[in-house]
Each structure stands twice: as C-alpha cells, then as structure tokens.
Amino acid sequence: MNHHSEIASSTIQDEVLTGLSGAQKSLPSKYFYDERGSQLFEQITRLEEYYPTRTEIKIMRANMPDIISTIGSNVALVELGSGSSYKTRLLLDHLPSIAAYVPIEISQKFLADVVKQLNLEYPDLTVNPVCTDYTRPFELPEINTPFSRTVMFYPGSTIGNFCPDRARRFLGILSKTLNPGGGMLIGVDLKKEIDVLEAAYNDEKGVTAAFNKNILRHINRELDANFDLENYRHKAFYNEQKGRIEMHLVAEKEHEVSVAGETFILDEGESIHTENSYKYTLKEFRELVQPWFSVEQVWTDPNNYFSVQYLVQH
C-alpha cells in the first residue's frame, strides 16, 4: 500500500475507465490515497494484525548501527514516497552526515507540508524536494554540496504493489537515476504462513475494508460516479500460485454504475480488483533485482516475517 495522489483528471478518467472495461474489472490502487484514504492507512499501520509497519520499524531499530555503517556517511538520501514517517526520522536522526535529503512525492500539498515540518525539526538539513510520480523516469535535483553516493530509501514493502514485470521495469528506471555504487535501502515483505498474511488484510475492526471501499468514494468525487458503497464487500486473500495478497470489492447484487458518463454493469458476486501485494522469499527478491542490483545486506525479524535489504547498483 503506498501513497497520496493529486492526479490530473484526464489521467484518472482514462485509467479508471480502462480498468472497469476489462474482463476482470480493476482500479489502480494509487486512488486509495485521498486525504481520508491516507488517514485510514495510518490506522491500518497501527492494527494488531498488520505486522509489516511495526516489524520493519523493529528491524531498523534493532540493526541501526549496522544499517548506518552499511549506508556510510555524507550520502544524498532520496526517499521514494512520503517523507513524513517515523522510519525516515530514524535515518535522519542516526546517519552521521547527510549531504541532502530528497523526498519524492506525487502530491504537491503533502510534499510542501513534509518539507515545512522537516525544516523545523532539522534546521541544518538540506532538503531538496521533488514533486513527481517516481514510477516514471525522473531526474534528481542538483545537490550543491559534495556527497559520497546517492542512497534511495523505499520502505513499507511498496515494491510489493507492482507485479513482477512492472517491478522489473521500475527497478530499471531507478538504476538509470542512480550511478554504479549507489544504494537502496528497501523494505520487502516475506512469504510466510497464509493465516498470518490473510489476517493482516482482514482486520477485525474492519479498517482495511473501509480503506478498500474508500477508493469508490474517491472515484465518485473525482469522476462524478455513483458507486454505492453498500453494494460491495471487502475481500482479501492470498493467491498462492502468484505469491500475492489480492484485494477485491465484491458486488453483493447485480447493479449498474455510472462513471464519467459511461455505464458499467456488475453481476452479483463479480469483483473489482483493487490491489496486489506480492510477497517474496529472499532468493526470489535477489533474483528479481539481479539485473541491476546486488543484495549487500539483509536484516530480518526473529520470525522472518519482513526484511530490510541494502542493494548496491552494479
């Protein structure tokens, strides 16, 4: 699950209509993240069943000296996605010297808030924000102080939201932005018992269900659509063959819905696929990144639920 969007309405219209026209209806998961979606996701990260956030933070805290010496000093730290999180602050507080911090974020407003807050908390830190969709090719800003290398920070297992082909394409884009010797500190969720995986996306309080349905509310507002949230139930399950959690919204009865002037009919039991979250073994992830990066270090928790990995570009 990843971050905030303020997207041109023509893009959202094209993407949503294309997704709803497929044999398996789908919606792009980035549209979870309007303001309410971002708040609901913050709640998800604190749920008892949702192990990834808490486990990643524990791994980072337990291994901080080792992580710091692996990253090295005087780096340009580039964060893909929100820079407002606790994990970022762990790095900013512990790295001995940072030449510059470059938060990359799609939402202009969110990015402005992050920068303002960081300038207050870290007055000596050079912050060079970039407002862009980091899944497409992008340029890093000019950094005026000399630095040893560029290190990307990509926590939260957001890489899992890409299907493997798209993940490969994305890694190719990142490797063009980094230079050989550049690094990436990345959070990767690991394969484990199915009941642990499924519980993380089917919490008892129903926060994930509300988060899933919020995508319809967001689309209603953006595209003058008339999804009735009561017509859908949240469904999340582990697809073992594909190695991923799938989130769907299942129609409780046959109905039609109008989106940007087009009409779609949903049968009872038909689903709209809203998100994938791929899980990897350490070997599978090493093979995924191999064309561009070598895995230099892996830190995990005692249960091997989650990993933080340091990759170095060939």
C-alpha atoms as a PDB file:
ATOM      1  CA  MET A   1       0.000   0.000   0.000  1.00  0.00           C
ATOM      2  CA  ASN A   2       1.568   3.278  -0.889  1.00  0.00           C
ATOM      3  CA  HIS A   3       0.964   6.989  -1.220  1.00  0.00           C
ATOM      4  CA  HIS A   4      -1.002  10.141  -1.804  1.00  0.00           C
ATOM      5  CA  SER A   5      -2.147  11.318  -5.169  1.00  0.00           C
ATOM      6  CA  GLU A   6      -3.279  14.534  -6.773  1.00  0.00           C
ATOM      7  CA  ILE A   7      -3.584  13.449 -10.350  1.00  0.00           C
ATOM      8  CA  ALA A   8      -4.779  15.215 -13.473  1.00  0.00           C
ATOM      9  CA  SER A   9      -8.437  14.324 -14.007  1.00  0.00           C
ATOM     10  CA  SER A  10      -7.833  13.145 -17.591  1.00  0.00           C
ATOM     11  CA  THR A  11      -5.338  10.523 -16.334  1.00  0.00           C
ATOM     12  CA  ILE A  12      -7.645   9.268 -13.595  1.00  0.00           C
ATOM     13  CA  GLN A  13     -10.559   9.102 -16.059  1.00  0.00           C
ATOM     14  CA  ASP A  14      -8.557   7.078 -18.623  1.00  0.00           C
ATOM     15  CA  GLU A  15      -7.125   4.731 -16.004  1.00  0.00           C
ATOM     16  CA  VAL A  16     -10.428   4.109 -14.223  1.00  0.00           C
ATOM     17  CA  LEU A  17     -12.472   3.558 -17.401  1.00  0.00           C
ATOM     18  CA  THR A  18      -9.809   1.194 -18.782  1.00  0.00           C
ATOM     19  CA  GLY A  19      -9.751  -0.748 -15.502  1.00  0.00           C
ATOM     20  CA  LEU A  20     -13.545  -1.095 -15.354  1.00  0.00           C
ATOM     21  CA  SER A  21     -13.710  -2.218 -19.011  1.00  0.00           C
ATOM     22  CA  GLY A  22     -11.533  -5.307 -18.504  1.00  0.00           C
ATOM     23  CA  ALA A  23     -12.825  -8.879 -18.219  1.00  0.00           C
ATOM     24  CA  GLN A  24     -11.667  -8.698 -14.576  1.00  0.00           C
ATOM     25  CA  LYS A  25     -12.677  -5.191 -13.508  1.00  0.00           C
ATOM     26  CA  SER A  26      -9.922  -3.375 -11.647  1.00  0.00           C
ATOM     27  CA  LEU A  27      -8.984   0.034 -10.246  1.00  0.00           C
ATOM     28  CA  PRO A  28      -5.462   1.471  -9.824  1.00  0.00           C
ATOM     29  CA  SER A  29      -4.503   1.201  -6.159  1.00  0.00           C
ATOM     30  CA  LYS A  30      -2.937   4.701  -6.110  1.00  0.00           C
ATOM     31  CA  TYR A  31      -6.521   6.056  -5.959  1.00  0.00           C
ATOM     32  CA  PHE A  32      -6.878   4.715  -2.396  1.00  0.00           C
ATOM     33  CA  TYR A  33      -4.925   7.736  -1.243  1.00  0.00           C
ATOM     34  CA  ASP A  34      -7.042  10.824  -0.960  1.00  0.00           C
ATOM     35  CA  GLU A  35      -6.879  12.529   2.425  1.00  0.00           C
ATOM     36  CA  ARG A  36      -9.296  10.081   4.052  1.00  0.00           C
ATOM     37  CA  GLY A  37      -7.539   7.105   2.456  1.00  0.00           C
ATOM     38  CA  SER A  38      -4.195   8.272   3.832  1.00  0.00           C
ATOM     39  CA  GLN A  39      -5.709   8.617   7.320  1.00  0.00           C
ATOM     40  CA  LEU A  40      -7.243   5.138   7.128  1.00  0.00           C
ATOM     41  CA  PHE A  41      -3.909   3.706   6.006  1.00  0.00           C
ATOM     42  CA  GLU A  42      -2.211   5.332   9.023  1.00  0.00           C
ATOM     43  CA  GLN A  43      -4.771   3.470  11.195  1.00  0.00           C
ATOM     44  CA  ILE A  44      -4.034   0.194   9.375  1.00  0.00           C
ATOM     45  CA  THR A  45      -0.326   0.500  10.187  1.00  0.00           C
ATOM     46  CA  ARG A  46      -1.207   0.506  13.896  1.00  0.00           C
ATOM     47  CA  LEU A  47      -3.524  -2.533  13.831  1.00  0.00           C
ATOM     48  CA  GLU A  48      -2.539  -5.617  15.774  1.00  0.00           C
ATOM     49  CA  GLU A  49      -2.959  -7.870  12.711  1.00  0.00           C
ATOM     50  CA  TYR A  50      -0.954  -5.628  10.376  1.00  0.00           C
ATOM     51  CA  TYR A  51       2.610  -6.772  11.109  1.00  0.00           C
ATOM     52  CA  PRO A  52       4.576  -5.053   8.252  1.00  0.00           C
ATOM     53  CA  THR A  53       4.969  -1.488   9.590  1.00  0.00           C
ATOM     54  CA  ARG A  54       5.708  -2.446  13.162  1.00  0.00           C
ATOM     55  CA  THR A  55       8.099  -5.232  12.127  1.00  0.00           C
ATOM     56  CA  GLU A  56      10.018  -3.023   9.697  1.00  0.00           C
ATOM     57  CA  ILE A  57      10.487  -0.366  12.412  1.00  0.00           C
ATOM     58  CA  LYS A  58      11.686  -3.017  14.901  1.00  0.00           C
ATOM     59  CA  ILE A  59      14.196  -4.360  12.358  1.00  0.00           C
ATOM     60  CA  MET A  60      15.516  -0.848  11.713  1.00  0.00           C
ATOM     61  CA  ARG A  61      15.804  -0.004  15.394  1.00  0.00           C
ATOM     62  CA  ALA A  62      17.492  -3.292  16.284  1.00  0.00           C
ATOM     63  CA  ASN A  63      20.063  -3.027  13.481  1.00  0.00           C
ATOM     64  CA  MET A  64      20.594   0.720  13.267  1.00  0.00           C
ATOM     65  CA  PRO A  65      24.396   0.752  13.852  1.00  0.00           C
ATOM     66  CA  ASP A  66      24.855  -1.876  11.157  1.00  0.00           C
ATOM     67  CA  ILE A  67      22.465  -0.122   8.745  1.00  0.00           C
ATOM     68  CA  ILE A  68      24.299   3.185   9.275  1.00  0.00           C
ATOM     69  CA  SER A  69      27.750   1.720   8.657  1.00  0.00           C
ATOM     70  CA  THR A  70      26.452  -0.042   5.536  1.00  0.00           C
ATOM     71  CA  ILE A  71      24.957   3.171   4.108  1.00  0.00           C
ATOM     72  CA  GLY A  72      28.033   5.217   5.023  1.00  0.00           C
ATOM     73  CA  SER A  73      28.405   8.919   5.688  1.00  0.00           C
ATOM     74  CA  ASN A  74      27.807  12.028   3.626  1.00  0.00           C
ATOM     75  CA  VAL A  75      25.187  10.443   1.364  1.00  0.00           C
ATOM     76  CA  ALA A  76      22.401  12.081  -0.616  1.00  0.00           C
ATOM     77  CA  LEU A  77      19.333  10.302   0.790  1.00  0.00           C
ATOM     78  CA  VAL A  78      16.436  10.049  -1.679  1.00  0.00           C
ATOM     79  CA  GLU A  79      13.101   8.818  -0.335  1.00  0.00           C
ATOM     80  CA  LEU A  80      10.509   7.393  -2.733  1.00  0.00           C
ATOM     81  CA  GLY A  81       7.092   8.299  -1.337  1.00  0.00           C
ATOM     82  CA  SER A  82       6.185  10.129   1.841  1.00  0.00           C
ATOM     83  CA  GLY A  83       8.942  11.703   3.849  1.00  0.00           C
ATOM     84  CA  SER A  84       6.817  12.315   6.915  1.00  0.00           C
ATOM     85  CA  SER A  85       7.136   8.912   8.511  1.00  0.00           C
ATOM     86  CA  TYR A  86       8.788   7.670  11.656  1.00  0.00           C
ATOM     87  CA  LYS A  87      11.127   5.453   9.583  1.00  0.00           C
ATOM     88  CA  THR A  88      12.590   8.467   7.785  1.00  0.00           C
ATOM     89  CA  ARG A  89      13.274  10.184  11.082  1.00  0.00           C
ATOM     90  CA  LEU A  90      15.101   7.086  12.341  1.00  0.00           C
ATOM     91  CA  LEU A  91      17.555   7.508   9.453  1.00  0.00           C
ATOM     92  CA  LEU A  92      17.775  11.296   9.722  1.00  0.00           C
ATOM     93  CA  ASP A  93      18.470  11.020  13.469  1.00  0.00           C
ATOM     94  CA  HIS A  94      21.176   8.365  13.134  1.00  0.00           C
ATOM     95  CA  LEU A  95      23.043   8.917   9.879  1.00  0.00           C
ATOM     96  CA  PRO A  96      26.295  10.672  10.824  1.00  0.00           C
ATOM     97  CA  SER A  97      26.133  13.162   7.976  1.00  0.00           C
ATOM     98  CA  ILE A  98      23.632  13.646   5.191  1.00  0.00           C
ATOM     99  CA  ALA A  99      24.632  15.890   2.296  1.00  0.00           C
ATOM    100  CA  ALA A 100      20.984  16.305   1.290  1.00  0.00           C
ATOM    101  CA  TYR A 101      17.585  14.724   1.801  1.00  0.00           C
ATOM    102  CA  VAL A 102      15.418  14.441  -1.319  1.00  0.00           C
ATOM    103  CA  PRO A 103      11.786  13.465  -0.631  1.00  0.00           C
ATOM    104  CA  ILE A 104       9.897  12.453  -3.802  1.00  0.00           C
ATOM    105  CA  GLU A 105       6.128  12.622  -3.615  1.00  0.00           C
ATOM    106  CA  ILE A 106       3.271  12.897  -6.118  1.00  0.00           C
ATOM    107  CA  SER A 107       1.116  15.239  -4.028  1.00  0.00           C
ATOM    108  CA  GLN A 108       2.333  18.842  -4.070  1.00  0.00           C
ATOM    109  CA  LYS A 109       0.446  19.758  -0.905  1.00  0.00           C
ATOM    110  CA  PHE A 110       1.627  16.735   1.044  1.00  0.00           C
ATOM    111  CA  LEU A 111       5.218  17.382  -0.052  1.00  0.00           C
ATOM    112  CA  ALA A 112       5.053  21.043   0.984  1.00  0.00           C
ATOM    113  CA  ASP A 113       3.824  20.030   4.460  1.00  0.00           C
ATOM    114  CA  VAL A 114       6.610  17.460   4.815  1.00  0.00           C
ATOM    115  CA  VAL A 115       9.308  19.976   3.855  1.00  0.00           C
ATOM    116  CA  LYS A 116       7.938  22.610   6.232  1.00  0.00           C
ATOM    117  CA  GLN A 117       7.918  20.129   9.108  1.00  0.00           C
ATOM    118  CA  LEU A 118      11.438  18.836   8.354  1.00  0.00           C
ATOM    119  CA  ASN A 119      12.827  22.385   8.138  1.00  0.00           C
ATOM    120  CA  LEU A 120      11.515  22.972  11.669  1.00  0.00           C
ATOM    121  CA  GLU A 121      12.805  19.689  13.088  1.00  0.00           C
ATOM    122  CA  TYR A 122      16.116  19.541  11.218  1.00  0.00           C
ATOM    123  CA  PRO A 123      17.193  23.146  10.610  1.00  0.00           C
ATOM    124  CA  ASP A 124      20.680  22.113   9.438  1.00  0.00           C
ATOM    125  CA  LEU A 125      19.437  19.570   6.902  1.00  0.00           C
ATOM    126  CA  THR A 126      19.405  20.482   3.203  1.00  0.00           C
ATOM    127  CA  VAL A 127      16.013  19.348   1.860  1.00  0.00           C
ATOM    128  CA  ASN A 128      15.578  19.227  -1.936  1.00  0.00           C
ATOM    129  CA  PRO A 129      12.007  18.071  -2.651  1.00  0.00           C
ATOM    130  CA  VAL A 130      10.869  16.654  -5.997  1.00  0.00           C
ATOM    131  CA  CYS A 131       7.185  16.558  -6.913  1.00  0.00           C
ATOM    132  CA  THR A 132       6.723  13.739  -9.406  1.00  0.00           C
ATOM    133  CA  ASP A 133       5.397  10.228  -9.961  1.00  0.00           C
ATOM    134  CA  TYR A 134       8.562   8.260  -9.114  1.00  0.00           C
ATOM    135  CA  THR A 135       7.352   5.187 -11.037  1.00  0.00           C
ATOM    136  CA  ARG A 136       8.143   7.080 -14.264  1.00  0.00           C
ATOM    137  CA  PRO A 137      11.640   8.248 -15.282  1.00  0.00           C
ATOM    138  CA  PHE A 138      12.700  11.295 -13.245  1.00  0.00           C
ATOM    139  CA  GLU A 139      15.760  13.479 -12.678  1.00  0.00           C
ATOM    140  CA  LEU A 140      17.309  14.078  -9.283  1.00  0.00           C
ATOM    141  CA  PRO A 141      17.825  17.727  -8.338  1.00  0.00           C
ATOM    142  CA  GLU A 142      21.239  19.378  -8.412  1.00  0.00           C
ATOM    143  CA  ILE A 143      22.872  18.884  -4.995  1.00  0.00           C
ATOM    144  CA  ASN A 144      25.308  21.680  -4.282  1.00  0.00           C
ATOM    145  CA  THR A 145      27.373  20.055  -1.555  1.00  0.00           C
ATOM    146  CA  PRO A 146      29.800  17.241  -2.418  1.00  0.00           C
ATOM    147  CA  PHE A 147      28.461  13.818  -1.394  1.00  0.00           C
ATOM    148  CA  SER A 148      29.795  10.264  -1.401  1.00  0.00           C
ATOM    149  CA  ARG A 149      26.892   8.468  -3.096  1.00  0.00           C
ATOM    150  CA  THR A 150      23.155   8.518  -3.647  1.00  0.00           C
ATOM    151  CA  VAL A 151      21.106   6.139  -1.490  1.00  0.00           C
ATOM    152  CA  MET A 152      17.399   5.577  -2.087  1.00  0.00           C
ATOM    153  CA  PHE A 153      15.072   4.715   0.788  1.00  0.00           C
ATOM    154  CA  TYR A 154      11.981   2.734  -0.169  1.00  0.00           C
ATOM    155  CA  PRO A 155      10.332   1.353   2.969  1.00  0.00           C
ATOM    156  CA  GLY A 156       6.956  -0.257   3.594  1.00  0.00           C
ATOM    157  CA  SER A 157       7.246  -3.080   1.064  1.00  0.00           C
ATOM    158  CA  THR A 158       5.635  -0.767  -1.501  1.00  0.00           C
ATOM    159  CA  ILE A 159       7.643  -2.687  -4.131  1.00  0.00           C
ATOM    160  CA  GLY A 160       5.110  -5.487  -3.478  1.00  0.00           C
ATOM    161  CA  ASN A 161       2.324  -3.458  -5.097  1.00  0.00           C
ATOM    162  CA  PHE A 162       3.950  -3.916  -8.517  1.00  0.00           C
ATOM    163  CA  CYS A 163       3.500  -7.161 -10.417  1.00  0.00           C
ATOM    164  CA  PRO A 164       6.973  -8.642 -11.071  1.00  0.00           C
ATOM    165  CA  ASP A 165       7.149  -7.329 -14.665  1.00  0.00           C
ATOM    166  CA  ARG A 166       6.310  -3.803 -13.565  1.00  0.00           C
ATOM    167  CA  ALA A 167       8.705  -4.153 -10.613  1.00  0.00           C
ATOM    168  CA  ARG A 168      11.479  -5.013 -13.070  1.00  0.00           C
ATOM    169  CA  ARG A 169      10.609  -2.036 -15.263  1.00  0.00           C
ATOM    170  CA  PHE A 170      10.599   0.185 -12.171  1.00  0.00           C
ATOM    171  CA  LEU A 171      13.974  -1.128 -10.957  1.00  0.00           C
ATOM    172  CA  GLY A 172      15.348  -0.362 -14.415  1.00  0.00           C
ATOM    173  CA  ILE A 173      14.119   3.247 -14.087  1.00  0.00           C
ATOM    174  CA  LEU A 174      15.705   3.609 -10.630  1.00  0.00           C
ATOM    175  CA  SER A 175      19.023   2.215 -11.852  1.00  0.00           C
ATOM    176  CA  LYS A 176      19.135   4.938 -14.540  1.00  0.00           C
ATOM    177  CA  THR A 177      18.690   7.552 -11.795  1.00  0.00           C
ATOM    178  CA  LEU A 178      21.393   6.090  -9.537  1.00  0.00           C
ATOM    179  CA  ASN A 179      25.032   5.636 -10.547  1.00  0.00           C
ATOM    180  CA  PRO A 180      27.030   2.426 -10.130  1.00  0.00           C
ATOM    181  CA  GLY A 181      27.877   2.180  -6.431  1.00  0.00           C
ATOM    182  CA  GLY A 182      24.638   3.928  -5.498  1.00  0.00           C
ATOM    183  CA  GLY A 183      22.486   2.081  -2.983  1.00  0.00           C
ATOM    184  CA  MET A 184      18.908   1.372  -1.998  1.00  0.00           C
ATOM    185  CA  LEU A 185      17.577   0.576   1.470  1.00  0.00           C
ATOM    186  CA  ILE A 186      14.311  -1.241   0.776  1.00  0.00           C
ATOM    187  CA  GLY A 187      11.608  -2.952   2.834  1.00  0.00           C
ATOM    188  CA  VAL A 188      10.427  -6.301   1.446  1.00  0.00           C
ATOM    189  CA  ASP A 189       7.604  -8.396   2.891  1.00  0.00           C
ATOM    190  CA  LEU A 190       8.382 -12.109   3.025  1.00  0.00           C
ATOM    191  CA  LYS A 191       6.376 -15.258   2.303  1.00  0.00           C
ATOM    192  CA  LYS A 192       5.012 -16.860   5.475  1.00  0.00           C
ATOM    193  CA  GLU A 193       2.013 -18.763   6.921  1.00  0.00           C
ATOM    194  CA  ILE A 194      -1.122 -17.950   4.938  1.00  0.00           C
ATOM    195  CA  ASP A 195      -3.214 -17.198   8.030  1.00  0.00           C
ATOM    196  CA  VAL A 196      -0.746 -14.500   9.147  1.00  0.00           C
ATOM    197  CA  LEU A 197      -0.780 -12.961   5.649  1.00  0.00           C
ATOM    198  CA  GLU A 198      -4.557 -13.015   5.296  1.00  0.00           C
ATOM    199  CA  ALA A 199      -5.222 -11.661   8.807  1.00  0.00           C
ATOM    200  CA  ALA A 200      -3.111  -8.570   8.010  1.00  0.00           C
ATOM    201  CA  TYR A 201      -5.601  -7.590   5.279  1.00  0.00           C
ATOM    202  CA  ASN A 202      -8.803  -8.703   7.046  1.00  0.00           C
ATOM    203  CA  ASP A 203      -8.589  -6.968  10.413  1.00  0.00           C
ATOM    204  CA  GLU A 204     -11.369  -7.482  12.939  1.00  0.00           C
ATOM    205  CA  LYS A 205     -12.117  -3.767  13.261  1.00  0.00           C
ATOM    206  CA  GLY A 206     -12.821  -3.527   9.523  1.00  0.00           C
ATOM    207  CA  VAL A 207     -10.345  -0.689   8.926  1.00  0.00           C
ATOM    208  CA  THR A 208      -8.912  -2.375   5.819  1.00  0.00           C
ATOM    209  CA  ALA A 209     -12.447  -2.913   4.494  1.00  0.00           C
ATOM    210  CA  ALA A 210     -13.174   0.818   4.956  1.00  0.00           C
ATOM    211  CA  PHE A 211      -9.860   1.659   3.276  1.00  0.00           C
ATOM    212  CA  ASN A 212     -10.679  -0.623   0.327  1.00  0.00           C
ATOM    213  CA  LYS A 213     -14.173   0.878  -0.132  1.00  0.00           C
ATOM    214  CA  ASN A 214     -12.804   4.420   0.144  1.00  0.00           C
ATOM    215  CA  ILE A 215     -11.408   4.061  -3.398  1.00  0.00           C
ATOM    216  CA  LEU A 216     -15.039   4.113  -4.628  1.00  0.00           C
ATOM    217  CA  ARG A 217     -15.804   7.236  -2.617  1.00  0.00           C
ATOM    218  CA  HIS A 218     -12.715   8.928  -4.083  1.00  0.00           C
ATOM    219  CA  ILE A 219     -13.742   7.983  -7.633  1.00  0.00           C
ATOM    220  CA  ASN A 220     -17.320   9.159  -7.031  1.00  0.00           C
ATOM    221  CA  ARG A 221     -15.917  12.579  -6.163  1.00  0.00           C
ATOM    222  CA  GLU A 222     -13.266  12.779  -8.916  1.00  0.00           C
ATOM    223  CA  LEU A 223     -15.304  11.385 -11.820  1.00  0.00           C
ATOM    224  CA  ASP A 224     -18.894  12.174 -10.911  1.00  0.00           C
ATOM    225  CA  ALA A 225     -19.539   8.443 -10.420  1.00  0.00           C
ATOM    226  CA  ASN A 226     -22.337   6.858  -8.381  1.00  0.00           C
ATOM    227  CA  PHE A 227     -20.816   3.807  -6.684  1.00  0.00           C
ATOM    228  CA  ASP A 228     -22.973   2.839  -3.696  1.00  0.00           C
ATOM    229  CA  LEU A 229     -20.535   1.521  -1.066  1.00  0.00           C
ATOM    230  CA  GLU A 230     -23.333  -0.579   0.463  1.00  0.00           C
ATOM    231  CA  ASN A 231     -23.333  -2.742  -2.691  1.00  0.00           C
ATOM    232  CA  TYR A 232     -19.813  -4.064  -2.037  1.00  0.00           C
ATOM    233  CA  ARG A 233     -17.983  -6.192   0.461  1.00  0.00           C
ATOM    234  CA  HIS A 234     -14.244  -6.270   1.080  1.00  0.00           C
ATOM    235  CA  LYS A 235     -12.414  -9.477   0.168  1.00  0.00           C
ATOM    236  CA  ALA A 236      -8.684 -10.110   0.616  1.00  0.00           C
ATOM    237  CA  PHE A 237      -6.979 -13.467   0.164  1.00  0.00           C
ATOM    238  CA  TYR A 238      -3.583 -14.969  -0.581  1.00  0.00           C
ATOM    239  CA  ASN A 239      -3.175 -16.235  -4.147  1.00  0.00           C
ATOM    240  CA  GLU A 240      -0.536 -18.902  -3.563  1.00  0.00           C
ATOM    241  CA  GLN A 241       0.159 -19.554  -7.230  1.00  0.00           C
ATOM    242  CA  LYS A 242       1.012 -15.880  -7.849  1.00  0.00           C
ATOM    243  CA  GLY A 243       2.584 -15.284  -4.414  1.00  0.00           C
ATOM    244  CA  ARG A 244       0.438 -12.263  -3.649  1.00  0.00           C
ATOM    245  CA  ILE A 245      -2.358 -10.933  -1.466  1.00  0.00           C
ATOM    246  CA  GLU A 246      -5.230  -9.720  -3.660  1.00  0.00           C
ATOM    247  CA  MET A 247      -7.771  -7.158  -2.515  1.00  0.00           C
ATOM    248  CA  HIS A 248     -11.170  -7.070  -4.207  1.00  0.00           C
ATOM    249  CA  LEU A 249     -14.528  -5.358  -3.803  1.00  0.00           C
ATOM    250  CA  VAL A 250     -17.276  -7.920  -4.467  1.00  0.00           C
ATOM    251  CA  ALA A 251     -20.723  -6.872  -5.717  1.00  0.00           C
ATOM    252  CA  GLU A 252     -23.403  -8.111  -3.303  1.00  0.00           C
ATOM    253  CA  LYS A 253     -26.099  -7.912  -6.020  1.00  0.00           C
ATOM    254  CA  GLU A 254     -26.407  -7.131  -9.709  1.00  0.00           C
ATOM    255  CA  HIS A 255     -26.396  -3.371 -10.323  1.00  0.00           C
ATOM    256  CA  GLU A 256     -25.214  -0.721 -12.702  1.00  0.00           C
ATOM    257  CA  VAL A 257     -22.939   2.161 -12.025  1.00  0.00           C
ATOM    258  CA  SER A 258     -22.180   5.331 -13.975  1.00  0.00           C
ATOM    259  CA  VAL A 259     -18.605   6.680 -14.149  1.00  0.00           C
ATOM    260  CA  ALA A 260     -17.677   9.808 -16.136  1.00  0.00           C
ATOM    261  CA  GLY A 261     -20.791   9.341 -18.254  1.00  0.00           C
ATOM    262  CA  GLU A 262     -20.184   5.635 -19.005  1.00  0.00           C
ATOM    263  CA  THR A 263     -22.342   2.835 -17.613  1.00  0.00           C
ATOM    264  CA  PHE A 264     -20.980  -0.445 -16.239  1.00  0.00           C
ATOM    265  CA  ILE A 265     -22.994  -3.463 -15.125  1.00  0.00           C
ATOM    266  CA  LEU A 266     -21.764  -5.636 -12.272  1.00  0.00           C
ATOM    267  CA  ASP A 267     -23.169  -9.114 -11.726  1.00  0.00           C
ATOM    268  CA  GLU A 268     -23.822 -10.454  -8.249  1.00  0.00           C
ATOM    269  CA  GLY A 269     -20.524 -11.896  -6.990  1.00  0.00           C
ATOM    270  CA  GLU A 270     -18.440 -10.081  -9.612  1.00  0.00           C
ATOM    271  CA  SER A 271     -15.405  -8.304  -8.206  1.00  0.00           C
ATOM    272  CA  ILE A 272     -13.335  -5.192  -8.806  1.00  0.00           C
ATOM    273  CA  HIS A 273      -9.660  -5.960  -8.180  1.00  0.00           C
ATOM    274  CA  THR A 274      -8.153  -3.027  -6.248  1.00  0.00           C
ATOM    275  CA  GLU A 275      -4.676  -4.088  -5.119  1.00  0.00           C
ATOM    276  CA  ASN A 276      -1.946  -6.712  -5.178  1.00  0.00           C
ATOM    277  CA  SER A 277       0.698  -7.113  -2.531  1.00  0.00           C
ATOM    278  CA  TYR A 278       3.426  -9.517  -3.646  1.00  0.00           C
ATOM    279  CA  LYS A 279       5.426 -11.442  -1.071  1.00  0.00           C
ATOM    280  CA  TYR A 280       8.918 -12.765  -1.775  1.00  0.00           C
ATOM    281  CA  THR A 281      11.397 -15.263  -0.459  1.00  0.00           C
ATOM    282  CA  LEU A 282      14.887 -13.765  -0.034  1.00  0.00           C
ATOM    283  CA  LYS A 283      16.039 -15.794  -3.041  1.00  0.00           C
ATOM    284  CA  GLU A 284      13.126 -14.624  -5.248  1.00  0.00           C
ATOM    285  CA  PHE A 285      13.815 -10.999  -4.404  1.00  0.00           C
ATOM    286  CA  ARG A 286      17.545 -11.375  -5.043  1.00  0.00           C
ATOM    287  CA  GLU A 287      16.719 -12.811  -8.485  1.00  0.00           C
ATOM    288  CA  LEU A 288      14.226 -10.011  -9.199  1.00  0.00           C
ATOM    289  CA  VAL A 289      16.794  -7.235  -8.608  1.00  0.00           C
ATOM    290  CA  GLN A 290      19.810  -9.097 -10.006  1.00  0.00           C
ATOM    291  CA  PRO A 291      19.977  -7.408 -13.456  1.00  0.00           C
ATOM    292  CA  TRP A 292      20.603  -4.012 -11.770  1.00  0.00           C
ATOM    293  CA  PHE A 293      21.475  -4.513  -8.105  1.00  0.00           C
ATOM    294  CA  SER A 294      23.264  -6.933  -5.826  1.00  0.00           C
ATOM    295  CA  VAL A 295      21.915  -7.544  -2.329  1.00  0.00           C
ATOM    296  CA  GLU A 296      24.677  -6.498   0.052  1.00  0.00           C
ATOM    297  CA  GLN A 297      22.896  -6.908   3.402  1.00  0.00           C
ATOM    298  CA  VAL A 298      19.627  -8.382   4.672  1.00  0.00           C
ATOM    299  CA  TRP A 299      18.148  -7.722   8.096  1.00  0.00           C
ATOM    300  CA  THR A 300      15.068  -9.656   9.274  1.00  0.00           C
ATOM    301  CA  ASP A 301      12.993 -10.084  12.422  1.00  0.00           C
ATOM    302  CA  PRO A 302      13.155 -13.289  14.526  1.00  0.00           C
ATOM    303  CA  ASN A 303      10.015 -14.675  12.772  1.00  0.00           C
ATOM    304  CA  ASN A 304      11.345 -13.861   9.278  1.00  0.00           C
ATOM    305  CA  TYR A 305       8.095 -12.011   8.544  1.00  0.00           C
ATOM    306  CA  PHE A 306       9.776  -9.000   6.943  1.00  0.00           C
ATOM    307  CA  SER A 307      13.160  -7.886   5.623  1.00  0.00           C
ATOM    308  CA  VAL A 308      15.070  -4.659   5.235  1.00  0.00           C
ATOM    309  CA  GLN A 309      17.665  -5.032   2.484  1.00  0.00           C
ATOM    310  CA  TYR A 310      20.540  -2.930   1.232  1.00  0.00           C
ATOM    311  CA  LEU A 311      21.068  -3.160  -2.530  1.00  0.00           C
ATOM    312  CA  VAL A 312      24.056  -1.805  -4.424  1.00  0.00           C
ATOM    313  CA  GLN A 313      23.878  -0.913  -8.083  1.00  0.00           C
ATOM    314  CA  HIS A 314      26.282  -2.880 -10.320  1.00  0.00           C
END
